[in-house]
Protein backbone atom coordinates (compact mmCIF):
# COMPACT_ATOMS: atom_id res chain seq x y z
CA MET A 1 1.73 -12.99 -19.40
CA LYS A 2 2.46 -12.77 -15.66
CA LEU A 3 0.37 -11.03 -13.04
CA HIS A 4 1.95 -10.41 -9.63
CA LEU A 5 -0.55 -9.68 -6.86
CA VAL A 6 1.15 -7.73 -4.09
CA SER A 7 -0.60 -7.61 -0.71
CA GLY A 8 0.53 -6.48 2.71
CA PHE A 9 -0.34 -3.95 5.33
CA LEU A 10 -0.40 -0.19 4.91
CA GLY A 11 3.11 1.24 4.98
CA SER A 12 4.94 -2.03 4.26
CA GLY A 13 6.75 -0.60 1.24
CA LYS A 14 4.85 -2.30 -1.59
CA THR A 15 4.78 0.75 -3.87
CA THR A 16 8.51 1.40 -3.58
CA ALA A 17 9.30 -2.24 -4.34
CA ILE A 18 6.97 -2.32 -7.33
CA SER A 19 8.31 0.95 -8.78
CA LEU A 20 11.93 -0.23 -8.57
CA ALA A 21 11.01 -3.67 -9.92
CA CYS A 22 9.30 -2.03 -12.90
CA ASN A 23 12.38 0.14 -13.47
CA GLN A 24 14.65 -2.89 -13.54
CA LEU A 25 12.33 -4.78 -15.86
CA MET A 26 11.99 -1.83 -18.24
CA GLN A 27 15.76 -1.42 -18.34
CA ASN A 28 15.88 -5.05 -19.49
CA GLY A 29 13.45 -4.24 -22.32
CA LEU A 30 10.36 -5.79 -20.75
CA GLY A 31 6.92 -4.20 -20.88
CA VAL A 32 5.26 -3.62 -17.51
CA GLY A 33 2.06 -2.26 -16.07
CA VAL A 34 0.67 -1.53 -12.60
CA ILE A 35 -2.82 -1.62 -11.15
CA THR A 36 -3.18 0.45 -7.99
CA ASN A 37 -6.00 0.04 -5.51
CA ASP A 38 -7.57 1.99 -2.67
CA GLN A 39 -10.79 2.63 -0.79
CA GLY A 40 -10.55 6.26 -1.92
CA ILE A 41 -10.49 7.76 -5.40
CA ASN A 42 -7.56 10.21 -5.46
CA LEU A 43 -4.40 8.14 -5.01
CA VAL A 44 -0.86 9.30 -4.29
CA ASP A 45 0.48 6.02 -5.65
CA SER A 46 -1.28 6.42 -9.01
CA GLY A 47 0.24 9.89 -9.44
CA PHE A 48 3.62 8.55 -8.36
CA PHE A 49 3.61 5.76 -11.00
CA ARG A 50 2.48 8.25 -13.66
CA SER A 51 5.41 10.51 -12.79
CA LEU A 52 7.71 7.49 -13.49
CA SER A 53 6.06 6.91 -16.90
CA ILE A 54 4.88 3.46 -15.82
CA PRO A 55 1.56 2.47 -17.45
CA ILE A 56 -1.12 2.24 -14.75
CA ARG A 57 -4.79 1.58 -14.14
CA GLN A 58 -6.49 1.98 -10.82
CA VAL A 59 -9.28 0.22 -8.91
CA ILE A 60 -10.92 2.74 -6.58
CA ASN A 61 -13.77 3.02 -4.09
CA GLY A 62 -12.98 -0.39 -2.59
CA CYS A 63 -10.57 -3.29 -2.54
CA PHE A 64 -9.86 -5.68 -5.43
CA CYS A 65 -12.15 -8.35 -3.97
CA CYS A 66 -15.16 -6.05 -3.72
CA ASN A 67 -14.45 -4.48 -7.14
CA PHE A 68 -13.35 -7.63 -8.98
CA ASN A 69 -15.04 -6.62 -12.22
CA GLN A 70 -13.23 -3.27 -12.18
CA LEU A 71 -9.96 -5.13 -11.59
CA ASP A 72 -10.68 -7.47 -14.48
CA GLN A 73 -11.45 -4.52 -16.77
CA SER A 74 -8.26 -2.75 -15.71
CA LEU A 75 -6.25 -5.86 -16.37
CA GLN A 76 -7.74 -6.27 -19.85
CA SER A 77 -7.27 -2.57 -20.60
CA LEU A 78 -3.56 -2.77 -19.82
CA ILE A 79 -3.16 -5.92 -21.86
CA ASP A 80 -4.95 -4.42 -24.87
CA SER A 81 -3.23 -1.03 -24.85
CA GLU A 82 0.27 -1.76 -23.51
CA ARG A 83 0.90 -5.45 -24.24
CA PRO A 84 2.98 -5.82 -21.07
CA GLY A 85 4.71 -9.06 -20.23
CA ILE A 86 4.35 -8.39 -16.49
CA ILE A 87 1.67 -6.56 -14.48
CA PHE A 88 1.86 -5.78 -10.78
CA ALA A 89 -1.47 -5.38 -8.95
CA GLU A 90 -1.05 -3.76 -5.52
CA SER A 91 -4.00 -4.32 -3.22
CA VAL A 92 -5.05 -1.73 -0.66
CA GLY A 93 -3.18 -2.27 2.58
CA SER A 94 -6.28 -2.99 4.67
CA CYS A 95 -7.38 -5.90 2.46
CA THR A 96 -7.00 -9.63 3.04
CA ASP A 97 -8.51 -12.88 1.78
CA ILE A 98 -6.76 -12.20 -1.55
CA VAL A 99 -6.34 -15.87 -2.53
CA ALA A 100 -10.02 -16.81 -2.41
CA THR A 101 -11.45 -13.54 -3.70
CA VAL A 102 -8.83 -12.38 -6.25
CA LEU A 103 -6.25 -15.04 -7.13
CA ASN A 104 -8.65 -17.92 -7.59
CA PRO A 105 -11.31 -16.01 -9.55
CA LEU A 106 -8.60 -14.56 -11.82
CA SER A 107 -7.14 -18.04 -12.33
CA HIS A 108 -10.67 -19.31 -13.11
CA PHE A 109 -11.41 -16.66 -15.73
CA HIS A 110 -7.85 -16.28 -17.09
CA PRO A 111 -6.18 -19.69 -16.94
CA ASP A 112 -3.59 -18.49 -19.45
CA ILE A 113 -2.12 -15.90 -17.00
CA GLN A 114 0.58 -16.98 -14.55
CA ILE A 115 -0.34 -15.41 -11.20
CA THR A 116 1.73 -15.06 -8.02
CA VAL A 117 0.94 -13.57 -4.60
CA SER A 118 3.49 -11.82 -2.40
CA ALA A 119 2.67 -10.48 1.06
CA PHE A 120 4.83 -7.57 2.28
CA ALA A 121 5.51 -6.69 5.90
CA ASP A 122 7.56 -3.90 7.47
CA SER A 123 10.27 -5.93 9.24
CA ARG A 124 10.22 -3.62 12.26
CA LEU A 125 6.51 -3.99 12.89
CA LEU A 126 6.60 -7.72 12.14
CA LEU A 127 9.44 -8.29 14.63
CA THR A 128 7.41 -6.49 17.32
CA LEU A 129 4.42 -8.70 16.52
CA LEU A 130 6.40 -11.94 16.49
CA GLN A 131 8.03 -11.08 19.81
CA GLY A 132 4.60 -10.64 21.38
CA ASN A 133 5.33 -7.01 22.26
CA PHE A 134 2.96 -4.09 22.14
CA THR A 135 1.92 -2.99 18.66
CA PRO A 136 0.35 0.42 17.97
CA PHE A 137 -2.78 -1.03 16.34
CA ASP A 138 -5.88 -2.48 17.96
CA GLU A 139 -6.40 -6.23 17.94
CA GLU A 140 -9.00 -6.05 15.13
CA VAL A 141 -6.44 -4.28 12.92
CA ASN A 142 -3.76 -6.82 13.87
CA TYR A 143 -6.21 -9.53 12.78
CA ILE A 144 -6.07 -8.19 9.19
CA TYR A 145 -2.28 -7.95 9.38
CA ASN A 146 -1.92 -11.57 10.52
CA LYS A 147 -4.35 -12.86 7.89
CA GLN A 148 -2.37 -11.12 5.17
CA LEU A 149 0.76 -12.98 6.27
CA GLU A 150 -1.07 -16.28 6.63
CA GLU A 151 -2.31 -16.71 3.07
CA ALA A 152 0.53 -15.82 0.71
CA GLY A 153 3.17 -18.33 -0.35
CA ILE A 154 5.85 -15.61 -0.65
CA MET A 155 6.48 -13.38 2.35
CA VAL A 156 8.64 -10.31 1.82
CA MET A 157 9.97 -8.90 5.10
CA ASN A 158 10.83 -5.44 3.86
CA LYS A 159 12.98 -2.53 5.12
CA ILE A 160 15.55 -4.85 6.75
CA ASP A 161 18.11 -2.06 6.31
CA LEU A 162 16.32 -0.28 9.16
CA LEU A 163 16.93 -3.14 11.59
CA GLU A 164 20.04 -3.60 13.71
CA ALA A 165 21.97 -6.80 12.95
CA LYS A 166 20.81 -8.52 16.16
CA ASP A 167 17.20 -7.66 15.42
CA LEU A 168 17.45 -8.99 11.89
CA LYS A 169 18.90 -12.24 13.24
CA GLU A 170 16.00 -12.53 15.68
CA LEU A 171 13.47 -11.78 12.96
CA LYS A 172 14.89 -14.55 10.81
CA ARG A 173 14.69 -16.97 13.72
CA LEU A 174 11.12 -16.15 14.69
CA ALA A 175 9.81 -15.91 11.11
CA GLY A 176 11.49 -19.20 10.23
CA GLU A 177 9.71 -20.88 13.14
CA ARG A 178 6.28 -19.44 12.43
CA PHE A 179 6.25 -19.51 8.64
CA ARG A 180 7.99 -22.79 7.84
CA ASP A 181 5.79 -23.47 4.80
CA LYS A 182 6.47 -20.16 3.06
CA ILE A 183 9.19 -18.69 0.87
CA LEU A 184 10.76 -16.03 3.08
CA LEU A 185 12.55 -13.03 1.57
CA TYR A 186 14.38 -10.50 3.68
CA GLN A 187 14.41 -7.39 1.57
CA ASN A 188 15.69 -3.86 1.29
CA SER A 189 13.59 -2.56 -1.60
CA LEU A 190 16.05 0.29 -2.25
CA ASN A 191 18.70 -2.32 -3.10
CA LYS A 192 18.80 -3.59 -6.69
CA GLY A 193 20.00 -7.01 -5.56
CA SER A 194 17.03 -7.43 -3.23
CA ILE A 195 14.61 -6.46 -5.97
CA ALA A 196 16.32 -8.85 -8.39
CA ARG A 197 15.99 -11.66 -5.85
CA TRP A 198 12.25 -10.96 -5.48
CA LEU A 199 11.77 -10.87 -9.25
CA GLU A 200 13.67 -14.13 -9.55
CA GLU A 201 11.33 -15.75 -7.07
CA LEU A 202 8.28 -14.34 -8.85
CA ASP A 203 9.56 -15.86 -12.07
CA ASN A 204 9.25 -19.34 -10.61
CA PRO A 205 5.77 -20.92 -11.03
CA GLN A 206 4.04 -21.14 -7.68
CA PRO A 207 2.25 -24.40 -6.88
CA ALA A 208 -1.42 -23.92 -6.10
CA SER A 209 -0.85 -25.32 -2.63
CA SER A 210 1.50 -22.46 -1.74
CA ASN A 211 -1.36 -19.92 -1.60
CA SER A 212 -4.06 -21.15 0.79
CA PRO A 213 -7.59 -19.72 1.04
CA LEU A 214 -8.18 -18.40 4.51
CA GLU A 215 -10.58 -19.35 7.19
CA ILE A 216 -11.65 -15.84 8.00
CA ASN A 217 -14.13 -14.05 10.22
CA TYR A 218 -15.56 -11.28 8.02
CA ASP A 219 -17.14 -9.50 10.98
CA LEU A 220 -13.75 -9.20 12.65
CA TYR A 221 -12.15 -8.24 9.35
CA ALA A 222 -14.74 -5.47 8.88
CA SER A 223 -14.22 -4.27 12.47
CA GLY A 224 -10.48 -3.92 11.78
CA GLU A 225 -11.07 -1.83 8.68
CA ALA A 226 -13.57 0.33 10.55
CA LYS A 227 -10.87 1.22 13.11
CA LEU A 228 -9.01 3.12 10.37
CA ALA A 229 -9.82 6.60 9.16
CA TRP A 230 -9.26 7.51 5.51
CA VAL A 231 -8.63 11.11 4.54
CA ASP A 232 -7.82 12.11 0.94
CA GLN A 233 -7.25 15.80 0.41
CA GLU A 234 -5.93 17.77 -2.54
CA ILE A 235 -4.76 21.31 -1.83
CA LEU A 236 -3.19 24.25 -3.65
CA MET A 237 -0.63 26.43 -1.85
CA GLU A 238 -0.03 30.01 -2.90
CA SER A 239 2.98 31.90 -1.59
CA ALA A 240 3.49 35.64 -2.13
CA THR A 241 7.12 35.15 -1.02
CA ASN A 242 7.86 32.49 -3.67
CA ASN A 243 8.24 29.80 -0.95
CA ALA A 244 5.29 27.51 -1.73
CA ILE A 245 7.35 24.30 -1.84
CA GLU A 246 9.18 25.04 1.40
CA GLU A 247 5.84 25.86 3.04
CA ALA A 248 4.41 22.58 1.73
CA PHE A 249 7.20 20.76 3.51
CA VAL A 250 6.41 22.66 6.70
CA LEU A 251 2.74 21.64 6.39
CA ILE A 252 3.70 17.99 5.83
CA SER A 253 5.85 18.03 8.94
CA LYS A 254 3.08 19.71 10.94
CA ILE A 255 0.46 17.13 9.95
CA HIS A 256 2.80 14.25 10.78
CA SER A 257 3.82 15.72 14.14
CA GLY A 258 0.16 16.36 15.04
CA ILE A 259 -0.74 12.72 14.43
CA LYS A 260 2.28 11.59 16.48
CA GLU A 261 1.46 13.95 19.36
CA ASN A 262 -2.04 12.44 19.55
CA ASN A 263 -0.55 8.92 19.61
CA PHE A 264 -2.59 7.85 16.60
CA ALA A 265 -1.18 4.76 14.88
CA ILE A 266 -0.33 5.50 11.24
CA GLY A 267 -1.12 2.89 8.64
CA HIS A 268 0.37 5.16 6.05
CA LEU A 269 0.62 8.91 5.62
CA LYS A 270 1.53 9.74 2.01
CA PHE A 271 2.01 13.05 0.23
CA LEU A 272 2.50 13.78 -3.44
CA LEU A 273 4.02 17.21 -4.06
CA ASN A 274 3.54 18.77 -7.49
CA GLY A 275 2.58 15.42 -8.96
CA ASN A 276 6.07 13.94 -8.78
CA THR A 277 7.66 14.07 -5.31
CA LYS A 278 6.37 11.41 -2.93
CA LEU A 279 6.89 11.45 0.85
CA SER A 280 5.73 8.67 3.15
CA TYR A 281 5.48 8.12 6.87
CA THR A 282 4.45 5.04 8.92
CA THR A 283 4.06 4.30 12.60
CA ALA A 284 7.21 2.16 12.55
CA GLY A 285 9.40 5.07 11.56
CA GLU A 286 10.03 8.03 9.32
CA ALA A 287 12.78 6.57 7.14
CA ASP A 288 10.57 6.75 4.06
CA ALA A 289 10.25 10.53 4.32
CA ARG A 290 12.86 12.08 2.09
CA ILE A 291 12.78 15.85 2.39
CA MET A 292 14.91 17.34 -0.36
CA GLU A 293 16.09 20.91 -0.88
CA SER A 294 13.12 23.03 -1.89
CA GLU A 295 12.91 25.17 -5.04
CA LYS A 296 11.38 28.60 -5.29
CA ALA A 297 7.80 28.66 -6.49
CA PHE A 298 4.66 30.80 -6.10
CA PHE A 299 2.39 27.73 -6.27
CA ALA A 300 2.51 24.10 -5.12
CA THR A 301 0.01 21.27 -5.20
CA LEU A 302 -0.17 18.68 -2.47
CA LEU A 303 -2.16 15.45 -2.47
CA ILE A 304 -2.62 13.83 0.97
CA ASN A 305 -3.55 10.18 1.57
CA ALA A 306 -3.83 9.55 5.32
CA ARG A 307 -4.78 6.15 6.78
CA VAL A 308 -4.71 6.45 10.54
CA GLN A 309 -6.30 4.64 13.47
CA THR A 310 -8.79 7.19 14.69
CA GLU A 311 -12.16 8.66 13.62
CA PRO A 312 -12.40 10.25 10.14
CA GLY A 313 -13.71 13.54 11.53
CA THR A 314 -10.88 13.70 14.07
CA LEU A 315 -8.25 13.16 11.37
CA ALA A 316 -9.83 15.69 9.01
CA ARG A 317 -9.94 18.31 11.76
CA LEU A 318 -6.30 17.68 12.66
CA ILE A 319 -5.27 18.26 9.05
CA GLU A 320 -7.47 21.38 8.80
CA ASP A 321 -5.98 22.77 12.05
CA SER A 322 -2.50 22.17 10.65
CA ILE A 323 -3.43 24.05 7.48
CA LYS A 324 -4.74 27.05 9.44
CA GLU A 325 -1.62 27.12 11.62
CA ILE A 326 0.71 27.08 8.61
CA GLU A 327 -1.33 29.82 6.89
CA THR A 328 -0.97 31.97 9.99
CA SER A 329 2.72 31.28 10.58
CA THR A 330 3.89 31.62 6.96
CA GLY A 331 1.36 33.97 5.38
CA CYS A 332 0.68 31.54 2.55
CA LYS A 333 -2.79 30.82 1.21
CA ILE A 334 -3.99 27.18 1.18
CA ILE A 335 -7.01 26.20 -0.86
CA THR A 336 -8.62 22.78 -0.51
CA ARG A 337 -9.68 21.57 -3.95
CA GLU A 338 -11.07 18.26 -2.87
CA ILE A 339 -11.48 16.35 0.42
CA SER A 340 -12.93 12.98 1.46
CA ALA A 341 -12.98 11.56 4.97
CA PHE A 342 -14.48 8.15 5.70
CA GLN A 343 -14.12 4.63 7.07
CA PRO A 344 -14.18 1.62 4.75
CA GLY A 345 -17.47 -0.19 4.46
CA PHE A 346 -18.11 -3.88 5.14
CA PRO A 347 -16.02 -6.01 2.73
CA SER A 348 -18.28 -7.88 0.31
CA ALA A 349 -16.39 -9.89 -2.30
CA THR A 350 -17.71 -10.27 -5.84
CA TYR A 351 -16.56 -13.92 -5.84
CA ARG A 352 -15.10 -16.17 -3.21
CA MET A 353 -13.60 -19.44 -4.45
CA ALA A 354 -11.85 -22.01 -2.32
CA ASP A 355 -10.48 -23.42 -5.56
CA PRO A 356 -10.14 -21.78 -9.01
CA PHE A 357 -11.39 -24.86 -10.83
CA ILE A 358 -14.83 -25.06 -9.26
CA ASN A 359 -17.92 -23.14 -10.34
CA SER A 360 -17.67 -19.51 -9.32
CA GLN A 361 -19.82 -18.28 -6.50
CA PRO A 362 -20.74 -14.78 -5.36
CA GLY A 363 -18.88 -14.13 -2.16
CA GLY A 364 -18.67 -11.79 0.76
CA GLY A 365 -18.86 -11.71 4.47
């Protein structure tokens, strides 16, 4: 069996790539599974994969490294119940040190599983970083971003379709200079050929030397995570005029514009409408937001996963103010079923192994 660990910063397009890779594999008759991961407990991505009938498990309330036993149980559960040939495990986008805290412990306890690590990056944000230009995130957040790119043997520079030709050429030049020891893939995850190329690379055994444990400052890592606010909110919209879905789109747009107007950097801003329609925004652009023609409905559900560089209370109030404004302007009724606003705690890994073939050690900061 093969396990593909997929890391990379918030908003880099990991979920889209995994969903389309699973679709291609299933069309070829292969069994697949996905393990999602987040610091929260109510995940847009989990609902999205369920809507696609892709078998999933989730690791919640912390990253894979801090919840390694939960990851291991999820992995075994998928194997026992689904017998997949391939499982994708998508780490939360604020997590790094995957090789030492996830890959090596898994290799230690499951030597029969072939494991790969891919690190995704939004090509637009990566180009800005490589050029030494201003990025929207604080230096502590950029530290996590850079460490994610440093450790993985396969780097997927995603969303290249959103770059102009001259910018893509420059990205290839700069990335080739900085990441000479890595396999570099320039990918449009909405393109079947790009996904097939990624899957082909994942099918090749990766030498242990291609994924290097990091030298990492956990205090700086924790400071970067603490710069980000997490808000998960599940709401029900009721419309006496049968326009609940249209009003949900208006609310989505209002929340996004409010964050932009305050100049808050967006890690990701995800919405799941009625359990099957996903919309995503990032700081680098809005190309992942696909607003389709709305249907008539008295009710609509909306799950919000917001990861934004600000304080949790500030982000929660912004969303609440947007809700009140839409209630006033449209006459709809919006009920919050569940809400959680927080910052991630200090990362404390269950294990940290420089090498999978040495005795396991409890790890952490």
